[in-house]
Structure formats: structure tokens, C-alpha cells
């Protein structure tokens, strides 16, 4: 059995709610299972290999067309899941943080500003590391 190389975290809002867990709970059970499987692979292989395997896409552009440190996971389920995440942001070489849930329809993200939201949340975590917790 191989130890996990990457630690996975979820964004927590100012009320202490794990918004990633809430988003995952809103998905169909089949989609939750597929997402869990993809996240387990990501934890094991890390973002560089995941980019090569096309499990991840990024870095993405924000609404101002600037490159951000945000990536999206490609998960094909009942809907096209596109959770937003970043390396770190505390320890970029050993951790990943899920920042926002999104889906993709017709090549467009829903919510439309998912990358901007994820970028804002990454900055919040840099200011206060308590704005995240271990992924469930």
C-alpha cells in the first residue's frame, strides 16, 4: 500500500461551514462516488501527473483574462463536474485545496465566476489558514 503523497483540504467559509462538503452532498450519489475516485487518484499521483493524464486542467484564466493559480478537475458523471482547486496554498509541494464546486455545460462553467470565486478563497486561506480543513 502506498502512502498518500498529497494532502487534500476543503475550503471553509467565515461561518465554519465546509462549502466543498456541502457541494459534494448536493450531487447525485453516482457523481459523488466518481468524484471520490478521482480525488483519490489526485492525492496519489499529484497535480503534475494529473495534468499530464488530463485529470486536471489549468492554470485557468479569471474573468479579467489573467492567468491564476487555479485548476479544475475533470470529472465525467451525470453532469460534467469541475471542482476548482489550487496547490497549497500554504505548502505548495505537498497539498491541494478544493476551493469551489462547479459544473460545465456547453463548455461554460456554472457558476460563471467559479474561477474568480476560487481565486478569492485561495487568498482568504493565505490570510487565515483556518479557512480550510482536511477533505472528508
N, C-alpha and C. Protein backbone atom coordinates (compact mmCIF):
# COMPACT_ATOMS: atom_id res chain seq x y z
N UNK A 1 0.85 -1.19 0.00
CA UNK A 1 0.00 0.00 0.00
C UNK A 1 0.89 1.25 0.00
N UNK A 2 0.60 2.19 -0.85
CA UNK A 2 1.38 3.41 -0.98
C UNK A 2 0.79 4.51 -0.10
N UNK A 3 1.66 5.22 0.61
CA UNK A 3 1.19 6.37 1.38
C UNK A 3 0.80 7.51 0.44
N UNK A 4 -0.15 8.31 0.85
CA UNK A 4 -0.54 9.46 0.04
C UNK A 4 0.61 10.45 0.00
N UNK A 5 0.86 10.97 -1.16
CA UNK A 5 1.91 11.96 -1.32
C UNK A 5 1.36 13.36 -1.13
N UNK A 6 0.10 13.57 -1.47
CA UNK A 6 -0.51 14.90 -1.42
C UNK A 6 -1.64 14.91 -0.40
N UNK A 7 -1.69 15.95 0.42
CA UNK A 7 -2.78 16.13 1.38
C UNK A 7 -3.86 16.97 0.72
N UNK A 8 -5.11 16.61 0.93
CA UNK A 8 -6.24 17.29 0.30
C UNK A 8 -7.06 18.01 1.36
N UNK A 9 -7.36 19.28 1.10
CA UNK A 9 -8.12 20.13 2.02
C UNK A 9 -9.34 20.70 1.32
N UNK A 10 -10.33 21.11 2.13
CA UNK A 10 -11.54 21.78 1.66
C UNK A 10 -11.58 23.20 2.21
N UNK A 11 -12.08 24.12 1.40
CA UNK A 11 -12.31 25.50 1.85
C UNK A 11 -13.45 25.53 2.87
N UNK A 12 -13.26 26.35 3.92
CA UNK A 12 -14.27 26.55 4.96
C UNK A 12 -14.61 28.04 4.99
N UNK A 13 -15.90 28.38 4.96
CA UNK A 13 -16.29 29.79 4.93
C UNK A 13 -16.16 30.44 6.31
N UNK A 14 -16.50 31.73 6.37
CA UNK A 14 -16.33 32.51 7.62
C UNK A 14 -17.23 32.02 8.75
N UNK A 15 -18.25 31.22 8.43
CA UNK A 15 -19.13 30.64 9.46
C UNK A 15 -18.65 29.27 9.92
N UNK A 16 -17.55 28.79 9.32
CA UNK A 16 -17.03 27.47 9.67
C UNK A 16 -17.66 26.33 8.90
N UNK A 17 -18.43 26.66 7.84
CA UNK A 17 -19.07 25.64 7.02
C UNK A 17 -18.11 25.14 5.94
N UNK A 18 -18.03 23.85 5.78
CA UNK A 18 -17.23 23.26 4.72
C UNK A 18 -18.07 23.30 3.44
N UNK A 19 -17.83 24.32 2.61
CA UNK A 19 -18.66 24.51 1.42
C UNK A 19 -18.41 23.44 0.36
N UNK A 20 -17.25 22.83 0.38
CA UNK A 20 -16.97 21.75 -0.57
C UNK A 20 -17.79 20.53 -0.20
N UNK A 21 -17.79 20.18 1.08
CA UNK A 21 -18.58 19.04 1.54
C UNK A 21 -20.06 19.25 1.23
N UNK A 22 -20.55 20.47 1.44
CA UNK A 22 -21.95 20.77 1.13
C UNK A 22 -22.23 20.61 -0.36
N UNK A 23 -21.30 21.07 -1.20
CA UNK A 23 -21.48 20.93 -2.64
C UNK A 23 -21.50 19.46 -3.04
N UNK A 24 -20.55 18.69 -2.52
CA UNK A 24 -20.50 17.26 -2.83
C UNK A 24 -21.79 16.57 -2.39
N UNK A 25 -22.28 16.92 -1.20
CA UNK A 25 -23.53 16.31 -0.71
C UNK A 25 -24.72 16.63 -1.59
N UNK A 26 -24.66 17.73 -2.34
CA UNK A 26 -25.76 18.11 -3.23
C UNK A 26 -25.76 17.31 -4.53
N UNK A 27 -24.69 16.59 -4.80
CA UNK A 27 -24.57 15.82 -6.04
C UNK A 27 -25.28 14.47 -5.91
N UNK A 28 -25.60 13.88 -7.06
CA UNK A 28 -26.17 12.53 -7.07
C UNK A 28 -25.12 11.57 -6.51
N UNK A 29 -25.56 10.49 -5.89
CA UNK A 29 -24.65 9.53 -5.27
C UNK A 29 -23.63 8.98 -6.27
N UNK A 30 -24.07 8.72 -7.48
CA UNK A 30 -23.16 8.21 -8.52
C UNK A 30 -22.06 9.23 -8.78
N UNK A 31 -22.41 10.49 -8.89
CA UNK A 31 -21.41 11.54 -9.14
C UNK A 31 -20.47 11.70 -7.94
N UNK A 32 -21.01 11.56 -6.73
CA UNK A 32 -20.16 11.62 -5.54
C UNK A 32 -19.11 10.52 -5.57
N UNK A 33 -19.52 9.32 -5.95
CA UNK A 33 -18.60 8.18 -5.99
C UNK A 33 -17.51 8.39 -7.05
N UNK A 34 -17.90 8.89 -8.21
CA UNK A 34 -16.93 9.15 -9.28
C UNK A 34 -15.95 10.23 -8.84
N UNK A 35 -16.46 11.29 -8.23
CA UNK A 35 -15.59 12.37 -7.73
C UNK A 35 -14.62 11.84 -6.68
N UNK A 36 -15.12 11.05 -5.74
CA UNK A 36 -14.24 10.48 -4.70
C UNK A 36 -13.11 9.67 -5.33
N UNK A 37 -13.44 8.91 -6.35
CA UNK A 37 -12.42 8.10 -7.03
C UNK A 37 -11.36 8.99 -7.68
N UNK A 38 -11.79 10.04 -8.34
CA UNK A 38 -10.84 10.96 -9.00
C UNK A 38 -9.97 11.68 -7.97
N UNK A 39 -10.56 12.07 -6.85
CA UNK A 39 -9.79 12.75 -5.81
C UNK A 39 -8.76 11.81 -5.19
N UNK A 40 -9.10 10.54 -5.04
CA UNK A 40 -8.14 9.56 -4.52
C UNK A 40 -6.95 9.41 -5.47
N UNK A 41 -7.23 9.40 -6.77
CA UNK A 41 -6.15 9.34 -7.76
C UNK A 41 -5.29 10.60 -7.66
N UNK A 42 -5.92 11.75 -7.57
CA UNK A 42 -5.19 13.01 -7.48
C UNK A 42 -4.28 13.04 -6.25
N UNK A 43 -4.79 12.57 -5.12
CA UNK A 43 -3.98 12.51 -3.89
C UNK A 43 -2.76 11.62 -4.09
N UNK A 44 -2.95 10.55 -4.82
CA UNK A 44 -1.87 9.58 -5.01
C UNK A 44 -0.83 10.05 -6.02
N UNK A 45 -1.27 10.63 -7.15
CA UNK A 45 -0.32 10.96 -8.22
C UNK A 45 0.13 12.41 -8.20
N UNK A 46 -0.62 13.29 -7.56
CA UNK A 46 -0.25 14.70 -7.51
C UNK A 46 -0.65 15.47 -8.76
N UNK A 47 -0.55 16.79 -8.71
CA UNK A 47 -1.05 17.62 -9.79
C UNK A 47 -0.26 17.54 -11.09
N UNK A 48 1.05 17.35 -11.03
CA UNK A 48 1.82 17.32 -12.27
C UNK A 48 1.43 16.13 -13.14
N UNK A 49 1.36 14.95 -12.53
CA UNK A 49 0.93 13.77 -13.29
C UNK A 49 -0.54 13.88 -13.67
N UNK A 50 -1.36 14.49 -12.81
CA UNK A 50 -2.78 14.65 -13.12
C UNK A 50 -2.98 15.56 -14.33
N UNK A 51 -2.14 16.59 -14.47
CA UNK A 51 -2.21 17.45 -15.66
C UNK A 51 -1.87 16.64 -16.90
N UNK A 52 -0.82 15.85 -16.81
CA UNK A 52 -0.40 15.03 -17.94
C UNK A 52 -1.49 14.02 -18.32
N UNK A 53 -2.17 13.47 -17.31
CA UNK A 53 -3.24 12.48 -17.55
C UNK A 53 -4.57 13.14 -17.91
N UNK A 54 -4.60 14.47 -17.95
CA UNK A 54 -5.80 15.25 -18.27
C UNK A 54 -6.91 15.12 -17.23
N UNK A 55 -6.54 14.76 -16.01
CA UNK A 55 -7.48 14.78 -14.88
C UNK A 55 -7.66 16.21 -14.40
N UNK A 56 -6.60 17.01 -14.54
CA UNK A 56 -6.63 18.44 -14.19
C UNK A 56 -6.43 19.28 -15.43
N UNK A 57 -6.98 20.49 -15.38
CA UNK A 57 -6.74 21.50 -16.42
C UNK A 57 -6.36 22.79 -15.72
N UNK A 58 -5.42 23.51 -16.29
CA UNK A 58 -5.03 24.79 -15.72
C UNK A 58 -3.54 25.01 -15.89
N UNK A 59 -3.06 26.11 -15.36
CA UNK A 59 -3.78 27.13 -14.62
C UNK A 59 -4.82 27.83 -15.51
N UNK A 60 -5.90 28.26 -14.87
CA UNK A 60 -7.03 28.85 -15.58
C UNK A 60 -6.94 30.37 -15.64
N UNK A 61 -7.73 30.96 -16.52
CA UNK A 61 -7.84 32.42 -16.60
C UNK A 61 -9.06 32.87 -15.81
N UNK A 62 -8.93 34.02 -15.15
CA UNK A 62 -10.08 34.58 -14.42
C UNK A 62 -10.91 35.45 -15.37
N UNK A 63 -11.91 36.12 -14.83
CA UNK A 63 -12.81 36.93 -15.67
C UNK A 63 -12.10 38.12 -16.31
N UNK A 64 -10.95 38.49 -15.77
CA UNK A 64 -10.17 39.59 -16.36
C UNK A 64 -9.14 39.06 -17.34
N UNK A 65 -9.25 37.76 -17.68
CA UNK A 65 -8.39 37.09 -18.66
C UNK A 65 -6.94 37.00 -18.19
N UNK A 66 -6.74 37.00 -16.87
CA UNK A 66 -5.40 36.84 -16.31
C UNK A 66 -5.24 35.41 -15.82
N UNK A 67 -4.05 34.87 -16.01
CA UNK A 67 -3.74 33.52 -15.55
C UNK A 67 -3.74 33.51 -14.02
N UNK A 68 -4.40 32.51 -13.44
CA UNK A 68 -4.49 32.37 -11.99
C UNK A 68 -3.80 31.07 -11.56
N UNK A 69 -3.60 30.86 -10.27
CA UNK A 69 -3.07 29.58 -9.79
C UNK A 69 -4.18 28.54 -9.55
N UNK A 70 -5.31 28.71 -10.22
CA UNK A 70 -6.47 27.84 -10.04
C UNK A 70 -6.52 26.79 -11.15
N UNK A 71 -6.88 25.58 -10.75
CA UNK A 71 -7.03 24.45 -11.67
C UNK A 71 -8.45 23.90 -11.53
N UNK A 72 -8.88 23.14 -12.51
CA UNK A 72 -10.18 22.45 -12.40
C UNK A 72 -9.95 20.97 -12.64
N UNK A 73 -10.72 20.16 -11.91
CA UNK A 73 -10.67 18.71 -12.07
C UNK A 73 -11.72 18.33 -13.10
N UNK A 74 -11.36 17.44 -14.00
CA UNK A 74 -12.31 16.93 -14.99
C UNK A 74 -12.93 15.64 -14.47
N UNK A 75 -14.22 15.68 -14.20
CA UNK A 75 -14.94 14.50 -13.72
C UNK A 75 -16.20 14.36 -14.56
N UNK A 76 -16.28 13.25 -15.30
CA UNK A 76 -17.44 13.00 -16.14
C UNK A 76 -18.40 12.09 -15.39
N UNK A 77 -19.50 12.69 -14.96
CA UNK A 77 -20.54 11.94 -14.27
C UNK A 77 -21.86 12.18 -14.98
N UNK A 78 -22.94 12.23 -14.21
CA UNK A 78 -24.24 12.59 -14.76
C UNK A 78 -24.17 13.98 -15.36
N UNK A 79 -23.40 14.84 -14.71
CA UNK A 79 -23.05 16.17 -15.22
C UNK A 79 -21.54 16.25 -15.24
N UNK A 80 -21.01 17.25 -15.93
CA UNK A 80 -19.56 17.44 -16.01
C UNK A 80 -19.09 18.24 -14.80
N UNK A 81 -18.61 17.54 -13.78
CA UNK A 81 -18.15 18.20 -12.55
C UNK A 81 -16.80 18.86 -12.81
N UNK A 82 -16.66 20.07 -12.29
CA UNK A 82 -15.42 20.82 -12.45
C UNK A 82 -15.03 21.52 -11.15
N UNK A 83 -14.76 20.77 -10.08
CA UNK A 83 -14.32 21.43 -8.85
C UNK A 83 -13.04 22.23 -9.09
N UNK A 84 -12.97 23.39 -8.45
CA UNK A 84 -11.82 24.28 -8.57
C UNK A 84 -10.88 24.04 -7.39
N UNK A 85 -9.58 24.02 -7.66
CA UNK A 85 -8.61 23.81 -6.60
C UNK A 85 -7.32 24.53 -6.90
N UNK A 86 -6.43 24.54 -5.91
CA UNK A 86 -5.11 25.12 -6.08
C UNK A 86 -4.08 24.23 -5.40
N UNK A 87 -2.83 24.40 -5.77
CA UNK A 87 -1.73 23.81 -5.00
C UNK A 87 -1.66 24.60 -3.70
N UNK A 88 -1.31 23.92 -2.63
CA UNK A 88 -1.18 24.63 -1.35
C UNK A 88 -2.52 25.13 -0.86
N UNK A 89 -2.67 26.38 -0.55
CA UNK A 89 -1.72 27.45 -0.81
C UNK A 89 -0.67 27.65 0.28
N UNK A 90 -0.71 26.85 1.35
CA UNK A 90 0.28 27.02 2.41
C UNK A 90 1.58 26.31 2.05
N UNK A 91 1.49 25.03 1.70
CA UNK A 91 2.66 24.23 1.31
C UNK A 91 2.40 23.68 -0.10
N UNK A 92 2.88 24.39 -1.11
CA UNK A 92 2.56 24.09 -2.50
C UNK A 92 3.09 22.75 -3.00
N UNK A 93 4.04 22.16 -2.31
CA UNK A 93 4.64 20.93 -2.81
C UNK A 93 4.05 19.66 -2.20
N UNK A 94 3.11 19.78 -1.26
CA UNK A 94 2.55 18.58 -0.63
C UNK A 94 1.04 18.63 -0.40
N UNK A 95 0.39 19.73 -0.78
CA UNK A 95 -1.03 19.83 -0.51
C UNK A 95 -1.80 20.48 -1.65
N UNK A 96 -3.09 20.14 -1.70
CA UNK A 96 -4.04 20.69 -2.65
C UNK A 96 -5.27 21.11 -1.87
N UNK A 97 -5.89 22.22 -2.27
CA UNK A 97 -7.09 22.68 -1.58
C UNK A 97 -8.22 22.86 -2.57
N UNK A 98 -9.33 22.17 -2.30
CA UNK A 98 -10.55 22.34 -3.08
C UNK A 98 -11.21 23.65 -2.64
N UNK A 99 -11.51 24.51 -3.60
CA UNK A 99 -11.96 25.86 -3.29
C UNK A 99 -13.42 26.15 -3.65
N UNK A 100 -13.91 25.55 -4.71
CA UNK A 100 -15.28 25.84 -5.16
C UNK A 100 -15.78 24.69 -6.03
N UNK A 101 -17.05 24.40 -5.89
CA UNK A 101 -17.69 23.41 -6.74
C UNK A 101 -18.25 24.08 -7.98
N UNK A 102 -18.16 23.40 -9.11
CA UNK A 102 -18.70 23.93 -10.36
C UNK A 102 -19.04 22.76 -11.28
N UNK A 103 -19.87 23.04 -12.26
CA UNK A 103 -20.14 22.08 -13.33
C UNK A 103 -19.88 22.81 -14.64
N UNK A 104 -19.77 22.04 -15.70
CA UNK A 104 -19.55 22.62 -17.01
C UNK A 104 -20.68 22.18 -17.94
N UNK A 105 -21.29 23.16 -18.60
CA UNK A 105 -22.37 22.91 -19.56
C UNK A 105 -22.02 23.64 -20.84
N UNK A 106 -21.98 22.92 -21.94
CA UNK A 106 -21.71 23.55 -23.22
C UNK A 106 -20.39 24.33 -23.24
N UNK A 107 -19.39 23.84 -22.52
CA UNK A 107 -18.09 24.49 -22.50
C UNK A 107 -18.02 25.70 -21.58
N UNK A 108 -19.08 25.96 -20.81
CA UNK A 108 -19.10 27.11 -19.90
C UNK A 108 -19.30 26.63 -18.47
N UNK A 109 -18.59 27.29 -17.54
CA UNK A 109 -18.69 26.93 -16.13
C UNK A 109 -19.96 27.48 -15.51
N UNK A 110 -20.49 26.75 -14.56
CA UNK A 110 -21.63 27.17 -13.75
C UNK A 110 -21.27 26.87 -12.30
N UNK A 111 -21.03 27.89 -11.48
CA UNK A 111 -21.25 29.31 -11.74
C UNK A 111 -20.20 29.90 -12.69
N UNK A 112 -20.62 30.92 -13.41
CA UNK A 112 -19.77 31.56 -14.42
C UNK A 112 -18.48 32.09 -13.80
N UNK A 113 -18.55 32.62 -12.61
CA UNK A 113 -17.38 33.21 -11.94
C UNK A 113 -16.69 32.23 -10.99
N UNK A 114 -16.76 30.94 -11.28
CA UNK A 114 -16.17 29.93 -10.40
C UNK A 114 -14.67 30.14 -10.22
N UNK A 115 -13.96 30.52 -11.26
CA UNK A 115 -12.51 30.74 -11.15
C UNK A 115 -12.23 31.94 -10.26
N UNK A 116 -12.99 33.02 -10.43
CA UNK A 116 -12.81 34.21 -9.57
C UNK A 116 -13.10 33.87 -8.11
N UNK A 117 -14.17 33.11 -7.87
CA UNK A 117 -14.53 32.71 -6.52
C UNK A 117 -13.42 31.87 -5.90
N UNK A 118 -12.90 30.92 -6.66
CA UNK A 118 -11.82 30.07 -6.16
C UNK A 118 -10.57 30.89 -5.86
N UNK A 119 -10.27 31.83 -6.72
CA UNK A 119 -9.10 32.69 -6.52
C UNK A 119 -9.26 33.52 -5.25
N UNK A 120 -10.44 34.08 -5.03
CA UNK A 120 -10.71 34.85 -3.81
C UNK A 120 -10.56 33.98 -2.56
N UNK A 121 -11.07 32.77 -2.64
CA UNK A 121 -10.99 31.86 -1.49
C UNK A 121 -9.55 31.44 -1.21
N UNK A 122 -8.76 31.25 -2.26
CA UNK A 122 -7.34 30.92 -2.07
C UNK A 122 -6.64 32.04 -1.31
N UNK A 123 -6.95 33.28 -1.67
CA UNK A 123 -6.36 34.44 -0.99
C UNK A 123 -6.81 34.50 0.47
N UNK A 124 -8.06 34.14 0.74
CA UNK A 124 -8.55 34.11 2.13
C UNK A 124 -7.75 33.11 2.95
N UNK A 125 -7.47 31.95 2.38
CA UNK A 125 -6.71 30.92 3.10
C UNK A 125 -5.29 31.41 3.38
N UNK A 126 -4.70 32.14 2.44
CA UNK A 126 -3.36 32.68 2.66
C UNK A 126 -3.35 33.66 3.84
N UNK A 127 -4.46 34.36 4.04
CA UNK A 127 -4.58 35.30 5.16
C UNK A 127 -4.92 34.59 6.47
N UNK A 128 -5.63 33.45 6.36
CA UNK A 128 -6.09 32.74 7.56
C UNK A 128 -6.16 31.24 7.23
N UNK A 129 -5.16 30.48 7.66
CA UNK A 129 -5.09 29.06 7.36
C UNK A 129 -6.25 28.27 7.96
N UNK A 130 -6.99 28.84 8.90
CA UNK A 130 -8.15 28.17 9.48
C UNK A 130 -9.35 28.14 8.55
N UNK A 131 -9.21 28.73 7.38
CA UNK A 131 -10.30 28.76 6.40
C UNK A 131 -10.30 27.50 5.54
N UNK A 132 -9.71 26.44 6.06
CA UNK A 132 -9.76 25.15 5.37
C UNK A 132 -9.61 24.04 6.41
N UNK A 133 -10.03 22.84 5.98
CA UNK A 133 -9.90 21.67 6.85
C UNK A 133 -9.63 20.46 5.97
N UNK A 134 -9.22 19.36 6.59
CA UNK A 134 -8.96 18.14 5.83
C UNK A 134 -10.19 17.73 5.04
N UNK A 135 -9.94 17.28 3.82
CA UNK A 135 -11.04 16.82 2.97
C UNK A 135 -11.66 15.57 3.59
N UNK A 136 -12.99 15.51 3.57
CA UNK A 136 -13.70 14.36 4.15
C UNK A 136 -13.79 13.23 3.15
